Amino acid sequence: VSDQKPPIPRDVLAFNYERVVNGLADYAEA
């Protein structure tokens, strides 16, 4: 709900956060 036009959709944010978390988990395991 930012002032940015258009705002970033929640599903895109969730997808990006999930990718970051998965990447961090893979990094920790390695």
PDB file of all heavy atoms in Angstrom:
ATOM      1  N   VAL A   1       0.847  -1.198   0.000  1.00  0.00           N
ATOM      2  CA  VAL A   1       0.000   0.000   0.000  1.00  0.00           C
ATOM      3  C   VAL A   1       0.880   1.245   0.000  1.00  0.00           C
ATOM      4  O   VAL A   1       0.613   2.212   0.689  1.00  0.00           O
ATOM      5  CB  VAL A   1      -0.967   0.014   1.210  1.00  0.00           C
ATOM      6  CG1 VAL A   1      -2.023  -1.045   1.059  1.00  0.00           C
ATOM      7  CG2 VAL A   1      -0.214  -0.134   2.516  1.00  0.00           C
ATOM      8  N   SER A   2       1.908   1.218  -0.785  1.00  0.00           N
ATOM      9  CA  SER A   2       2.851   2.338  -0.808  1.00  0.00           C
ATOM     10  C   SER A   2       2.366   3.441  -1.733  1.00  0.00           C
ATOM     11  O   SER A   2       1.376   3.300  -2.447  1.00  0.00           O
ATOM     12  CB  SER A   2       4.221   1.845  -1.258  1.00  0.00           C
ATOM     13  OG  SER A   2       4.173   1.483  -2.612  1.00  0.00           O
ATOM     14  N   ASP A   3       3.110   4.525  -1.708  1.00  0.00           N
ATOM     15  CA  ASP A   3       2.807   5.655  -2.596  1.00  0.00           C
ATOM     16  C   ASP A   3       3.266   5.374  -4.017  1.00  0.00           C
ATOM     17  O   ASP A   3       2.955   6.117  -4.933  1.00  0.00           O
ATOM     18  CB  ASP A   3       3.505   6.915  -2.090  1.00  0.00           C
ATOM     19  CG  ASP A   3       2.959   7.336  -0.737  1.00  0.00           C
ATOM     20  OD1 ASP A   3       1.821   6.946  -0.420  1.00  0.00           O
ATOM     21  OD2 ASP A   3       3.689   8.041  -0.017  1.00  0.00           O
ATOM     22  N   GLN A   4       4.014   4.319  -4.171  1.00  0.00           N
ATOM     23  CA  GLN A   4       4.535   3.943  -5.488  1.00  0.00           C
ATOM     24  C   GLN A   4       3.365   3.588  -6.394  1.00  0.00           C
ATOM     25  O   GLN A   4       2.405   2.952  -5.976  1.00  0.00           O
ATOM     26  CB  GLN A   4       5.477   2.744  -5.315  1.00  0.00           C
ATOM     27  CG  GLN A   4       6.044   2.211  -6.594  1.00  0.00           C
ATOM     28  CD  GLN A   4       6.910   0.977  -6.316  1.00  0.00           C
ATOM     29  OE1 GLN A   4       7.180   0.658  -5.186  1.00  0.00           O
ATOM     30  NE2 GLN A   4       7.301   0.321  -7.363  1.00  0.00           N
ATOM     31  N   LYS A   5       3.455   3.991  -7.642  1.00  0.00           N
ATOM     32  CA  LYS A   5       2.406   3.692  -8.622  1.00  0.00           C
ATOM     33  C   LYS A   5       2.924   2.693  -9.617  1.00  0.00           C
ATOM     34  O   LYS A   5       3.914   2.976 -10.284  1.00  0.00           O
ATOM     35  CB  LYS A   5       1.962   4.954  -9.354  1.00  0.00           C
ATOM     36  CG  LYS A   5       1.507   6.058  -8.476  1.00  0.00           C
ATOM     37  CD  LYS A   5       0.209   5.734  -7.804  1.00  0.00           C
ATOM     38  CE  LYS A   5      -0.242   6.979  -7.038  1.00  0.00           C
ATOM     39  NZ  LYS A   5      -0.991   6.722  -5.876  1.00  0.00           N
ATOM     40  N   PRO A   6       2.395   1.575  -9.800  1.00  0.00           N
ATOM     41  CA  PRO A   6       1.426   0.886  -8.946  1.00  0.00           C
ATOM     42  C   PRO A   6       2.126   0.228  -7.745  1.00  0.00           C
ATOM     43  O   PRO A   6       3.307  -0.075  -7.820  1.00  0.00           O
ATOM     44  CB  PRO A   6       0.860  -0.181  -9.874  1.00  0.00           C
ATOM     45  CG  PRO A   6       1.972  -0.500 -10.786  1.00  0.00           C
ATOM     46  CD  PRO A   6       2.728   0.793 -10.978  1.00  0.00           C
ATOM     47  N   PRO A   7       1.423   0.008  -6.642  1.00  0.00           N
ATOM     48  CA  PRO A   7       2.042  -0.651  -5.486  1.00  0.00           C
ATOM     49  C   PRO A   7       2.378  -2.112  -5.809  1.00  0.00           C
ATOM     50  O   PRO A   7       1.815  -2.703  -6.723  1.00  0.00           O
ATOM     51  CB  PRO A   7       0.975  -0.558  -4.399  1.00  0.00           C
ATOM     52  CG  PRO A   7      -0.292  -0.281  -5.108  1.00  0.00           C
ATOM     53  CD  PRO A   7       0.043   0.376  -6.402  1.00  0.00           C
ATOM     54  N   ILE A   8       3.311  -2.652  -5.063  1.00  0.00           N
ATOM     55  CA  ILE A   8       3.730  -4.040  -5.290  1.00  0.00           C
ATOM     56  C   ILE A   8       2.663  -4.967  -4.714  1.00  0.00           C
ATOM     57  O   ILE A   8       2.311  -4.854  -3.534  1.00  0.00           O
ATOM     58  CB  ILE A   8       5.089  -4.311  -4.620  1.00  0.00           C
ATOM     59  CG1 ILE A   8       6.143  -3.347  -5.156  1.00  0.00           C
ATOM     60  CG2 ILE A   8       5.515  -5.757  -4.812  1.00  0.00           C
ATOM     61  CD1 ILE A   8       7.465  -3.397  -4.407  1.00  0.00           C
ATOM     62  N   PRO A   9       2.121  -5.875  -5.525  1.00  0.00           N
ATOM     63  CA  PRO A   9       1.082  -6.787  -5.026  1.00  0.00           C
ATOM     64  C   PRO A   9       1.619  -7.694  -3.911  1.00  0.00           C
ATOM     65  O   PRO A   9       2.786  -8.061  -3.883  1.00  0.00           O
ATOM     66  CB  PRO A   9       0.697  -7.614  -6.259  1.00  0.00           C
ATOM     67  CG  PRO A   9       1.217  -6.859  -7.422  1.00  0.00           C
ATOM     68  CD  PRO A   9       2.379  -6.063  -6.947  1.00  0.00           C
ATOM     69  N   ARG A  10       0.739  -8.059  -2.981  1.00  0.00           N
ATOM     70  CA  ARG A  10       1.136  -8.903  -1.850  1.00  0.00           C
ATOM     71  C   ARG A  10       1.658 -10.265  -2.293  1.00  0.00           C
ATOM     72  O   ARG A  10       2.578 -10.791  -1.689  1.00  0.00           O
ATOM     73  CB  ARG A  10      -0.036  -9.110  -0.887  1.00  0.00           C
ATOM     74  CG  ARG A  10      -0.283  -7.924  -0.009  1.00  0.00           C
ATOM     75  CD  ARG A  10      -1.240  -8.313   1.111  1.00  0.00           C
ATOM     76  NE  ARG A  10      -1.405  -7.218   2.030  1.00  0.00           N
ATOM     77  CZ  ARG A  10      -0.605  -6.969   3.051  1.00  0.00           C
ATOM     78  NH1 ARG A  10       0.408  -7.751   3.269  1.00  0.00           N
ATOM     79  NH2 ARG A  10      -0.816  -5.943   3.840  1.00  0.00           N
ATOM     80  N   ASP A  11       1.075 -10.853  -3.331  1.00  0.00           N
ATOM     81  CA  ASP A  11       1.537 -12.172  -3.760  1.00  0.00           C
ATOM     82  C   ASP A  11       2.961 -12.114  -4.306  1.00  0.00           C
ATOM     83  O   ASP A  11       3.753 -13.036  -4.115  1.00  0.00           O
ATOM     84  CB  ASP A  11       0.575 -12.809  -4.762  1.00  0.00           C
ATOM     85  CG  ASP A  11       0.362 -11.961  -6.015  1.00  0.00           C
ATOM     86  OD1 ASP A  11       0.671 -10.755  -5.963  1.00  0.00           O
ATOM     87  OD2 ASP A  11      -0.105 -12.508  -7.024  1.00  0.00           O
ATOM     88  N   VAL A  12       3.312 -11.008  -4.966  1.00  0.00           N
ATOM     89  CA  VAL A  12       4.680 -10.836  -5.457  1.00  0.00           C
ATOM     90  C   VAL A  12       5.639 -10.692  -4.283  1.00  0.00           C
ATOM     91  O   VAL A  12       6.713 -11.294  -4.256  1.00  0.00           O
ATOM     92  CB  VAL A  12       4.785  -9.618  -6.403  1.00  0.00           C
ATOM     93  CG1 VAL A  12       6.226  -9.321  -6.752  1.00  0.00           C
ATOM     94  CG2 VAL A  12       3.964  -9.855  -7.662  1.00  0.00           C
ATOM     95  N   LEU A  13       5.255  -9.907  -3.292  1.00  0.00           N
ATOM     96  CA  LEU A  13       6.081  -9.757  -2.091  1.00  0.00           C
ATOM     97  C   LEU A  13       6.257 -11.093  -1.380  1.00  0.00           C
ATOM     98  O   LEU A  13       7.360 -11.455  -0.971  1.00  0.00           O
ATOM     99  CB  LEU A  13       5.463  -8.733  -1.141  1.00  0.00           C
ATOM    100  CG  LEU A  13       5.497  -7.281  -1.603  1.00  0.00           C
ATOM    101  CD1 LEU A  13       4.666  -6.418  -0.667  1.00  0.00           C
ATOM    102  CD2 LEU A  13       6.918  -6.789  -1.673  1.00  0.00           C
ATOM    103  N   ALA A  14       5.168 -11.831  -1.234  1.00  0.00           N
ATOM    104  CA  ALA A  14       5.239 -13.127  -0.554  1.00  0.00           C
ATOM    105  C   ALA A  14       6.148 -14.081  -1.319  1.00  0.00           C
ATOM    106  O   ALA A  14       6.951 -14.806  -0.712  1.00  0.00           O
ATOM    107  CB  ALA A  14       3.840 -13.712  -0.403  1.00  0.00           C
ATOM    108  N   PHE A  15       6.020 -14.071  -2.642  1.00  0.00           N
ATOM    109  CA  PHE A  15       6.871 -14.940  -3.460  1.00  0.00           C
ATOM    110  C   PHE A  15       8.347 -14.571  -3.289  1.00  0.00           C
ATOM    111  O   PHE A  15       9.196 -15.439  -3.111  1.00  0.00           O
ATOM    112  CB  PHE A  15       6.456 -14.822  -4.931  1.00  0.00           C
ATOM    113  CG  PHE A  15       7.336 -15.583  -5.869  1.00  0.00           C
ATOM    114  CD1 PHE A  15       7.233 -16.965  -5.969  1.00  0.00           C
ATOM    115  CD2 PHE A  15       8.274 -14.921  -6.653  1.00  0.00           C
ATOM    116  CE1 PHE A  15       8.049 -17.667  -6.842  1.00  0.00           C
ATOM    117  CE2 PHE A  15       9.090 -15.621  -7.521  1.00  0.00           C
ATOM    118  CZ  PHE A  15       8.974 -17.002  -7.619  1.00  0.00           C
ATOM    119  N   ASN A  16       8.650 -13.278  -3.326  1.00  0.00           N
ATOM    120  CA  ASN A  16      10.042 -12.841  -3.168  1.00  0.00           C
ATOM    121  C   ASN A  16      10.586 -13.182  -1.790  1.00  0.00           C
ATOM    122  O   ASN A  16      11.726 -13.635  -1.658  1.00  0.00           O
ATOM    123  CB  ASN A  16      10.159 -11.339  -3.435  1.00  0.00           C
ATOM    124  CG  ASN A  16       9.990 -11.010  -4.905  1.00  0.00           C
ATOM    125  OD1 ASN A  16      10.193 -11.866  -5.756  1.00  0.00           O
ATOM    126  ND2 ASN A  16       9.609  -9.784  -5.195  1.00  0.00           N
ATOM    127  N   TYR A  17       9.797 -12.952  -0.754  1.00  0.00           N
ATOM    128  CA  TYR A  17      10.239 -13.287   0.594  1.00  0.00           C
ATOM    129  C   TYR A  17      10.478 -14.786   0.741  1.00  0.00           C
ATOM    130  O   TYR A  17      11.422 -15.221   1.381  1.00  0.00           O
ATOM    131  CB  TYR A  17       9.223 -12.810   1.637  1.00  0.00           C
ATOM    132  CG  TYR A  17       9.136 -11.312   1.767  1.00  0.00           C
ATOM    133  CD1 TYR A  17       7.940 -10.685   2.082  1.00  0.00           C
ATOM    134  CD2 TYR A  17      10.251 -10.503   1.575  1.00  0.00           C
ATOM    135  CE1 TYR A  17       7.860  -9.313   2.200  1.00  0.00           C
ATOM    136  CE2 TYR A  17      10.182  -9.136   1.687  1.00  0.00           C
ATOM    137  CZ  TYR A  17       8.979  -8.538   1.997  1.00  0.00           C
ATOM    138  OH  TYR A  17       8.907  -7.177   2.108  1.00  0.00           O
ATOM    139  N   GLU A  18       9.601 -15.569   0.138  1.00  0.00           N
ATOM    140  CA  GLU A  18       9.755 -17.033   0.201  1.00  0.00           C
ATOM    141  C   GLU A  18      11.045 -17.471  -0.500  1.00  0.00           C
ATOM    142  O   GLU A  18      11.771 -18.333   0.000  1.00  0.00           O
ATOM    143  CB  GLU A  18       8.546 -17.699  -0.449  1.00  0.00           C
ATOM    144  CG  GLU A  18       8.562 -19.207  -0.333  1.00  0.00           C
ATOM    145  CD  GLU A  18       7.311 -19.838  -0.921  1.00  0.00           C
ATOM    146  OE1 GLU A  18       6.250 -19.198  -0.910  1.00  0.00           O
ATOM    147  OE2 GLU A  18       7.417 -20.989  -1.381  1.00  0.00           O
ATOM    148  N   ARG A  19      11.337 -16.861  -1.627  1.00  0.00           N
ATOM    149  CA  ARG A  19      12.589 -17.187  -2.331  1.00  0.00           C
ATOM    150  C   ARG A  19      13.800 -16.822  -1.497  1.00  0.00           C
ATOM    151  O   ARG A  19      14.776 -17.563  -1.440  1.00  0.00           O
ATOM    152  CB  ARG A  19      12.640 -16.464  -3.681  1.00  0.00           C
ATOM    153  CG  ARG A  19      11.680 -17.067  -4.695  1.00  0.00           C
ATOM    154  CD  ARG A  19      11.838 -16.450  -6.053  1.00  0.00           C
ATOM    155  NE  ARG A  19      13.181 -16.726  -6.571  1.00  0.00           N
ATOM    156  CZ  ARG A  19      13.760 -16.005  -7.510  1.00  0.00           C
ATOM    157  NH1 ARG A  19      13.138 -14.979  -8.036  1.00  0.00           N
ATOM    158  NH2 ARG A  19      14.959 -16.304  -7.936  1.00  0.00           N
ATOM    159  N   VAL A  20      13.755 -15.679  -0.842  1.00  0.00           N
ATOM    160  CA  VAL A  20      14.868 -15.255   0.013  1.00  0.00           C
ATOM    161  C   VAL A  20      15.045 -16.232   1.162  1.00  0.00           C
ATOM    162  O   VAL A  20      16.153 -16.661   1.466  1.00  0.00           O
ATOM    163  CB  VAL A  20      14.638 -13.807   0.532  1.00  0.00           C
ATOM    164  CG1 VAL A  20      15.618 -13.470   1.643  1.00  0.00           C
ATOM    165  CG2 VAL A  20      14.754 -12.821  -0.603  1.00  0.00           C
ATOM    166  N   VAL A  21      13.960 -16.616   1.802  1.00  0.00           N
ATOM    167  CA  VAL A  21      14.028 -17.547   2.928  1.00  0.00           C
ATOM    168  C   VAL A  21      14.548 -18.903   2.475  1.00  0.00           C
ATOM    169  O   VAL A  21      15.400 -19.508   3.140  1.00  0.00           O
ATOM    170  CB  VAL A  21      12.643 -17.674   3.605  1.00  0.00           C
ATOM    171  CG1 VAL A  21      12.611 -18.825   4.589  1.00  0.00           C
ATOM    172  CG2 VAL A  21      12.278 -16.373   4.296  1.00  0.00           C
ATOM    173  N   ASN A  22      14.069 -19.390   1.348  1.00  0.00           N
ATOM    174  CA  ASN A  22      14.556 -20.677   0.833  1.00  0.00           C
ATOM    175  C   ASN A  22      16.040 -20.605   0.490  1.00  0.00           C
ATOM    176  O   ASN A  22      16.790 -21.544   0.753  1.00  0.00           O
ATOM    177  CB  ASN A  22      13.755 -21.105  -0.393  1.00  0.00           C
ATOM    178  CG  ASN A  22      12.360 -21.548  -0.040  1.00  0.00           C
ATOM    179  OD1 ASN A  22      12.089 -21.912   1.096  1.00  0.00           O
ATOM    180  ND2 ASN A  22      11.460 -21.495  -0.999  1.00  0.00           N
ATOM    181  N   GLY A  23      16.460 -19.490  -0.085  1.00  0.00           N
ATOM    182  CA  GLY A  23      17.876 -19.313  -0.400  1.00  0.00           C
ATOM    183  C   GLY A  23      18.731 -19.304   0.851  1.00  0.00           C
ATOM    184  O   GLY A  23      19.808 -19.895   0.893  1.00  0.00           O
ATOM    185  N   LEU A  24      18.250 -18.637   1.892  1.00  0.00           N
ATOM    186  CA  LEU A  24      18.985 -18.613   3.155  1.00  0.00           C
ATOM    187  C   LEU A  24      19.056 -19.996   3.790  1.00  0.00           C
ATOM    188  O   LEU A  24      20.085 -20.390   4.347  1.00  0.00           O
ATOM    189  CB  LEU A  24      18.347 -17.615   4.122  1.00  0.00           C
ATOM    190  CG  LEU A  24      18.510 -16.140   3.763  1.00  0.00           C
ATOM    191  CD1 LEU A  24      17.706 -15.274   4.715  1.00  0.00           C
ATOM    192  CD2 LEU A  24      19.975 -15.753   3.816  1.00  0.00           C
ATOM    193  N   ALA A  25      17.966 -20.747   3.700  1.00  0.00           N
ATOM    194  CA  ALA A  25      17.961 -22.101   4.253  1.00  0.00           C
ATOM    195  C   ALA A  25      18.951 -22.994   3.499  1.00  0.00           C
ATOM    196  O   ALA A  25      19.700 -23.758   4.116  1.00  0.00           O
ATOM    197  CB  ALA A  25      16.558 -22.696   4.194  1.00  0.00           C
ATOM    198  N   ASP A  26      18.975 -22.880   2.176  1.00  0.00           N
ATOM    199  CA  ASP A  26      19.927 -23.655   1.379  1.00  0.00           C
ATOM    200  C   ASP A  26      21.368 -23.267   1.713  1.00  0.00           C
ATOM    201  O   ASP A  26      22.243 -24.126   1.825  1.00  0.00           O
ATOM    202  CB  ASP A  26      19.679 -23.445  -0.115  1.00  0.00           C
ATOM    203  CG  ASP A  26      18.366 -24.055  -0.574  1.00  0.00           C
ATOM    204  OD1 ASP A  26      17.814 -24.906   0.160  1.00  0.00           O
ATOM    205  OD2 ASP A  26      17.893 -23.685  -1.669  1.00  0.00           O
ATOM    206  N   TYR A  27      21.594 -21.975   1.899  1.00  0.00           N
ATOM    207  CA  TYR A  27      22.927 -21.496   2.241  1.00  0.00           C
ATOM    208  C   TYR A  27      23.365 -22.044   3.598  1.00  0.00           C
ATOM    209  O   TYR A  27      24.505 -22.481   3.766  1.00  0.00           O
ATOM    210  CB  TYR A  27      22.948 -19.967   2.252  1.00  0.00           C
ATOM    211  CG  TYR A  27      24.259 -19.392   2.686  1.00  0.00           C
ATOM    212  CD1 TYR A  27      25.336 -19.337   1.813  1.00  0.00           C
ATOM    213  CD2 TYR A  27      24.437 -18.915   3.983  1.00  0.00           C
ATOM    214  CE1 TYR A  27      26.557 -18.811   2.209  1.00  0.00           C
ATOM    215  CE2 TYR A  27      25.657 -18.399   4.382  1.00  0.00           C
ATOM    216  CZ  TYR A  27      26.707 -18.346   3.501  1.00  0.00           C
ATOM    217  OH  TYR A  27      27.902 -17.838   3.908  1.00  0.00           O
ATOM    218  N   ALA A  28      22.456 -22.029   4.566  1.00  0.00           N
ATOM    219  CA  ALA A  28      22.784 -22.543   5.901  1.00  0.00           C
ATOM    220  C   ALA A  28      23.084 -24.039   5.852  1.00  0.00           C
ATOM    221  O   ALA A  28      24.029 -24.508   6.499  1.00  0.00           O
ATOM    222  CB  ALA A  28      21.637 -22.255   6.861  1.00  0.00           C
ATOM    223  N   GLU A  29      22.312 -24.791   5.091  1.00  0.00           N
ATOM    224  CA  GLU A  29      22.560 -26.233   4.962  1.00  0.00           C
ATOM    225  C   GLU A  29      23.907 -26.495   4.293  1.00  0.00           C
ATOM    226  O   GLU A  29      24.657 -27.377   4.711  1.00  0.00           O
ATOM    227  CB  GLU A  29      21.440 -26.895   4.171  1.00  0.00           C
ATOM    228  CG  GLU A  29      20.135 -26.981   4.926  1.00  0.00           C
ATOM    229  CD  GLU A  29      18.990 -27.490   4.068  1.00  0.00           C
ATOM    230  OE1 GLU A  29      19.238 -27.855   2.889  1.00  0.00           O
ATOM    231  OE2 GLU A  29      17.860 -27.509   4.559  1.00  0.00           O
ATOM    232  N   ALA A  30      24.219 -25.740   3.251  1.00  0.00           N
ATOM    233  CA  ALA A  30      25.506 -25.915   2.568  1.00  0.00           C
ATOM    234  C   ALA A  30      26.661 -25.560   3.496  1.00  0.00           C
ATOM    235  O   ALA A  30      27.687 -26.251   3.520  1.00  0.00           O
ATOM    236  CB  ALA A  30      25.554 -25.054   1.302  1.00  0.00           C
TER     237      ALA A  30
END
